[in-house]
Amino acid sequence: MDSRGWLYVAAVLDLFSHRVVGWSMKAERDASLVMDALRMAVWRRGRADALMRHADQGSL
């Protein structure tokens, strides 16, 4: 595998604590990149129904 090229990162921020609560890194930019970061955030916070989502520019 070639180590050169792009690495895409998705991060989920907790706007109250200003901390990253979910993240994902992949060589491909696809929906699984964002979904993995969201899954981690829900797992770390414990309640999916208490989350509010905002997508910034460049999101899928």
C-alpha atoms as a PDB file:
ATOM      1  CA  MET A   1       0.000   0.000   0.000  1.00  0.00           C
ATOM      2  CA  ASP A   2       1.305   3.423  -0.944  1.00  0.00           C
ATOM      3  CA  SER A   3       1.591   5.742   2.087  1.00  0.00           C
ATOM      4  CA  ARG A   4       1.310   8.915   0.006  1.00  0.00           C
ATOM      5  CA  GLY A   5      -1.968  10.603  -0.813  1.00  0.00           C
ATOM      6  CA  TRP A   6      -4.934  12.074   0.987  1.00  0.00           C
ATOM      7  CA  LEU A   7      -6.277  11.126   4.376  1.00  0.00           C
ATOM      8  CA  TYR A   8      -9.803  12.361   5.082  1.00  0.00           C
ATOM      9  CA  VAL A   9     -10.910  13.168   8.626  1.00  0.00           C
ATOM     10  CA  ALA A  10     -14.404  13.599  10.051  1.00  0.00           C
ATOM     11  CA  ALA A  11     -14.856  14.978  13.560  1.00  0.00           C
ATOM     12  CA  VAL A  12     -17.887  15.461  15.796  1.00  0.00           C
ATOM     13  CA  LEU A  13     -17.618  18.330  18.279  1.00  0.00           C
ATOM     14  CA  ASP A  14     -19.494  18.750  21.539  1.00  0.00           C
ATOM     15  CA  LEU A  15     -20.361  22.447  21.405  1.00  0.00           C
ATOM     16  CA  PHE A  16     -20.964  22.638  25.161  1.00  0.00           C
ATOM     17  CA  SER A  17     -17.609  21.205  26.271  1.00  0.00           C
ATOM     18  CA  HIS A  18     -15.738  22.192  23.062  1.00  0.00           C
ATOM     19  CA  ARG A  19     -14.298  18.677  22.823  1.00  0.00           C
ATOM     20  CA  VAL A  20     -14.078  16.220  19.969  1.00  0.00           C
ATOM     21  CA  VAL A  21     -16.354  13.315  20.926  1.00  0.00           C
ATOM     22  CA  GLY A  22     -16.164  11.301  17.706  1.00  0.00           C
ATOM     23  CA  TRP A  23     -13.751  11.001  14.818  1.00  0.00           C
ATOM     24  CA  SER A  24     -12.867   8.866  11.833  1.00  0.00           C
ATOM     25  CA  MET A  25      -9.994   8.791   9.324  1.00  0.00           C
ATOM     26  CA  LYS A  26     -10.014   7.028   5.965  1.00  0.00           C
ATOM     27  CA  ALA A  27      -8.274   7.130   2.617  1.00  0.00           C
ATOM     28  CA  GLU A  28     -11.669   7.310   0.871  1.00  0.00           C
ATOM     29  CA  ARG A  29     -14.199  10.117   1.272  1.00  0.00           C
ATOM     30  CA  ASP A  30     -17.517   8.333   1.553  1.00  0.00           C
ATOM     31  CA  ALA A  31     -20.543   8.178   3.833  1.00  0.00           C
ATOM     32  CA  SER A  32     -18.911   5.595   6.115  1.00  0.00           C
ATOM     33  CA  LEU A  33     -16.322   8.205   7.132  1.00  0.00           C
ATOM     34  CA  VAL A  34     -19.031  10.433   8.613  1.00  0.00           C
ATOM     35  CA  MET A  35     -21.148   7.585   9.966  1.00  0.00           C
ATOM     36  CA  ASP A  36     -18.188   6.114  11.881  1.00  0.00           C
ATOM     37  CA  ALA A  37     -17.531   9.493  13.533  1.00  0.00           C
ATOM     38  CA  LEU A  38     -21.223   9.853  14.431  1.00  0.00           C
ATOM     39  CA  ARG A  39     -21.379   6.324  15.842  1.00  0.00           C
ATOM     40  CA  MET A  40     -18.383   7.030  18.053  1.00  0.00           C
ATOM     41  CA  ALA A  41     -19.957  10.269  19.313  1.00  0.00           C
ATOM     42  CA  VAL A  42     -23.239   8.520  20.162  1.00  0.00           C
ATOM     43  CA  TRP A  43     -21.368   5.683  21.880  1.00  0.00           C
ATOM     44  CA  ARG A  44     -19.276   8.106  23.952  1.00  0.00           C
ATOM     45  CA  ARG A  45     -22.259  10.295  24.900  1.00  0.00           C
ATOM     46  CA  GLY A  46     -24.693   7.431  25.429  1.00  0.00           C
ATOM     47  CA  ARG A  47     -27.906   9.062  24.164  1.00  0.00           C
ATOM     48  CA  ALA A  48     -28.626   9.444  20.467  1.00  0.00           C
ATOM     49  CA  ASP A  49     -31.939  11.218  21.115  1.00  0.00           C
ATOM     50  CA  ALA A  50     -30.152  14.046  22.986  1.00  0.00           C
ATOM     51  CA  LEU A  51     -27.835  14.951  20.084  1.00  0.00           C
ATOM     52  CA  MET A  52     -28.275  17.858  17.697  1.00  0.00           C
ATOM     53  CA  ARG A  53     -26.445  17.661  14.358  1.00  0.00           C
ATOM     54  CA  HIS A  54     -25.064  20.392  12.138  1.00  0.00           C
ATOM     55  CA  ALA A  55     -23.154  19.621   8.924  1.00  0.00           C
ATOM     56  CA  ASP A  56     -20.446  22.047   7.815  1.00  0.00           C
ATOM     57  CA  GLN A  57     -19.179  22.635   4.287  1.00  0.00           C
ATOM     58  CA  GLY A  58     -17.602  19.665   2.617  1.00  0.00           C
ATOM     59  CA  SER A  59     -19.731  17.073   4.355  1.00  0.00           C
ATOM     60  CA  LEU A  60     -21.305  14.251   2.392  1.00  0.00           C
END
